[in-house]
Protein backbone atom coordinates (compact mmCIF):
# COMPACT_ATOMS: atom_id res chain seq x y z
CA MET A 1 -0.12 -0.28 0.08
CA SER A 2 1.41 3.20 -0.77
CA GLN A 3 0.87 5.08 2.48
CA ASN A 4 3.21 2.95 4.10
CA LEU A 5 0.26 1.35 6.54
CA ASP A 6 0.75 -0.95 9.00
CA ASN A 7 -1.92 -3.31 10.51
CA THR A 8 -2.73 -0.96 13.10
CA ASP A 9 -4.05 1.89 11.00
CA LEU A 10 -6.04 -1.30 8.93
CA LYS A 11 -7.85 -2.03 11.75
CA ILE A 12 -8.71 1.20 12.77
CA LEU A 13 -9.46 1.90 9.34
CA HIS A 14 -11.48 -0.96 8.89
CA GLU A 15 -13.46 0.12 12.58
CA LEU A 16 -14.37 3.07 11.50
CA GLN A 17 -15.66 2.26 8.29
CA GLN A 18 -18.44 -0.29 10.47
CA ASN A 19 -18.65 3.07 12.96
CA GLY A 20 -17.57 6.08 12.07
CA ARG A 21 -19.05 7.64 15.80
CA ALA A 22 -16.85 4.39 17.33
CA ARG A 23 -14.89 6.17 20.32
CA ARG A 24 -11.22 7.06 20.19
CA ASN A 25 -11.13 4.59 24.27
CA LYS A 26 -13.13 1.58 22.13
CA LEU A 27 -10.78 1.99 19.32
CA ALA A 28 -7.54 2.19 21.66
CA GLU A 29 -8.93 -1.19 22.81
CA ILE A 30 -9.32 -3.20 19.74
CA VAL A 31 -5.86 -2.51 18.60
CA GLY A 32 -4.15 -2.52 21.63
CA LEU A 33 -2.77 1.63 21.94
CA SER A 34 -3.79 3.84 24.30
CA VAL A 35 -6.16 6.67 23.21
CA PRO A 36 -3.77 9.08 22.52
CA SER A 37 -1.99 7.02 20.42
CA VAL A 38 -4.57 6.15 18.41
CA SER A 39 -5.78 9.99 18.29
CA GLU A 40 -2.51 10.38 16.71
CA ARG A 41 -2.74 8.10 14.13
CA MET A 42 -6.56 9.14 13.14
CA LYS A 43 -4.89 12.83 12.72
CA LYS A 44 -2.34 11.24 10.73
CA LEU A 45 -5.35 9.23 8.48
CA GLU A 46 -6.99 12.62 8.53
CA GLU A 47 -4.51 15.03 7.08
CA LYS A 48 -2.97 12.25 4.63
CA ASN A 49 -6.66 12.52 3.15
CA LEU A 50 -7.22 8.62 3.86
CA ILE A 51 -10.19 9.70 5.39
CA GLU A 52 -12.39 12.57 4.04
CA GLY A 53 -14.82 12.58 6.50
CA TYR A 54 -17.39 10.94 8.76
CA TYR A 55 -21.08 11.06 8.57
CA ALA A 56 -24.65 9.43 9.08
CA VAL A 57 -25.66 7.19 6.54
CA LEU A 58 -29.75 7.90 6.52
CA ASN A 59 -31.82 5.66 4.81
CA PRO A 60 -33.91 7.62 1.51
CA ARG A 61 -37.07 5.31 2.30
CA ASN A 62 -37.58 7.42 5.44
CA PHE A 63 -37.50 10.69 3.49
CA ASN A 64 -39.48 9.24 0.89
CA PHE A 65 -36.56 9.62 -1.82
CA ASP A 66 -38.30 5.90 -3.17
CA ILE A 67 -36.73 6.09 -6.73
CA THR A 68 -32.98 5.62 -7.15
CA ALA A 69 -31.72 4.87 -10.61
CA PHE A 70 -28.32 4.87 -12.88
CA ILE A 71 -28.39 7.61 -16.10
CA PHE A 72 -25.89 7.31 -18.61
CA VAL A 73 -25.67 10.59 -20.39
CA GLN A 74 -23.53 11.30 -23.48
CA VAL A 75 -21.87 14.45 -23.70
CA ASP A 76 -21.86 15.74 -27.33
CA ASN A 77 -17.62 16.59 -27.20
CA SER A 78 -14.98 17.30 -24.25
CA SER A 79 -15.48 21.01 -24.50
CA PHE A 80 -18.38 20.77 -22.53
CA TYR A 81 -16.89 18.49 -19.91
CA GLN A 82 -16.48 20.91 -16.96
CA ASP A 83 -19.68 22.57 -17.33
CA PHE A 84 -21.44 19.03 -17.64
CA VAL A 85 -19.54 18.26 -13.89
CA GLU A 86 -20.64 21.54 -12.36
CA ALA A 87 -23.79 21.68 -13.60
CA CYS A 88 -24.26 17.85 -11.78
CA GLN A 89 -22.50 19.17 -8.33
CA ASN A 90 -25.11 21.59 -8.60
CA GLU A 91 -28.05 19.00 -9.04
CA ALA A 92 -28.93 17.95 -4.94
CA GLU A 93 -30.35 14.94 -6.76
CA VAL A 94 -27.41 13.61 -8.33
CA LEU A 95 -25.47 11.99 -5.57
CA GLU A 96 -23.01 10.76 -7.94
CA CYS A 97 -21.15 11.38 -11.22
CA HIS A 98 -18.79 8.92 -13.61
CA SER A 99 -16.54 9.74 -16.17
CA ILE A 100 -16.76 6.68 -17.48
CA THR A 101 -15.90 4.25 -21.05
CA GLY A 102 -17.56 2.40 -23.01
CA ASP A 103 -21.82 3.53 -23.77
CA GLY A 104 -21.80 7.18 -22.90
CA SER A 105 -19.46 9.51 -21.32
CA HIS A 106 -20.85 10.02 -17.95
CA PHE A 107 -22.59 7.77 -14.92
CA LEU A 108 -25.09 9.48 -12.64
CA LYS A 109 -26.73 7.73 -9.77
CA ILE A 110 -29.41 9.80 -8.85
CA ARG A 111 -32.34 9.68 -5.79
CA THR A 112 -35.45 11.28 -6.25
CA TYR A 113 -38.86 10.88 -4.64
CA ASN A 114 -41.31 9.78 -7.67
CA THR A 115 -41.41 9.17 -11.22
CA GLU A 116 -42.99 12.78 -11.60
CA SER A 117 -39.85 13.88 -10.31
CA LEU A 118 -38.12 11.84 -12.01
CA GLU A 119 -39.01 12.97 -15.23
CA LYS A 120 -38.30 16.60 -14.38
CA LEU A 121 -34.64 15.70 -13.04
CA LEU A 122 -34.18 14.28 -16.51
CA SER A 123 -35.46 16.85 -18.42
CA LYS A 124 -32.80 19.33 -16.80
CA ILE A 125 -30.14 16.67 -16.73
CA GLN A 126 -31.33 16.94 -20.78
CA THR A 127 -30.64 20.29 -20.90
CA MET A 128 -26.76 20.14 -19.42
CA PRO A 129 -24.33 21.96 -21.77
CA GLY A 130 -23.76 19.44 -24.06
CA VAL A 131 -25.77 16.75 -23.58
CA LYS A 132 -26.85 14.37 -26.37
CA LYS A 133 -28.67 11.41 -25.25
CA THR A 134 -29.17 9.94 -21.82
CA ARG A 135 -29.94 6.36 -21.06
CA SER A 136 -31.42 5.82 -17.83
CA ASN A 137 -32.41 2.10 -15.64
CA ILE A 138 -34.17 1.95 -12.42
CA VAL A 139 -33.62 0.41 -9.33
CA LEU A 140 -36.22 -1.92 -8.58
CA SER A 141 -34.23 -3.73 -5.62
CA THR A 142 -31.11 -2.98 -3.76
CA PHE A 143 -29.42 -5.43 -1.94
CA LYS A 144 -25.83 -4.55 -1.57
CA GLU A 145 -24.63 -0.51 -1.22
CA THR A 146 -21.60 0.72 0.26
CA ARG A 147 -18.85 2.79 0.84
CA GLN A 148 -16.51 0.20 2.26
CA LEU A 149 -13.07 -0.01 0.87
CA PRO A 150 -12.37 -4.31 1.35
CA LEU A 151 -8.97 -3.16 3.47
CA LYS A 152 -6.94 -6.06 4.10
CA ALA A 153 -6.04 -6.13 7.58
CA GLU A 154 -5.40 -9.12 9.56
CA LEU A 155 -8.68 -8.64 12.24
CA ASP A 156 -8.02 -10.76 15.37
């Protein structure tokens, strides 16, 4: 690993991915270090930008976001790239925007309330700078969704 992480760092990162609210004394107990040592390691992991933040994961359905869709977007040419990306970043219902190879130039993950709001969002996306074509896939069921990385550590 290019960041020179030892097994203790990997264990800390693993635990934080499982529970971002884990108390430092609990982390210290898990990895066998003092609380100040764990705090120092966490600070260094944050400074290296290995930990980007600590977030609550909300249940979208409990907030009436009943539609998840993936949208393949074909942007006409690279001169529209930055404007399109900025337009996506300013659209709250666009959760992810990826530049891709293959079918299309960008891939969006969106969450919205219902098919009416999806239709309005699609209309907005189709008028974004350089958008030539879109293809949408609506999610029927989700069986796995995570941002947790499969870190390799000897987890005792």
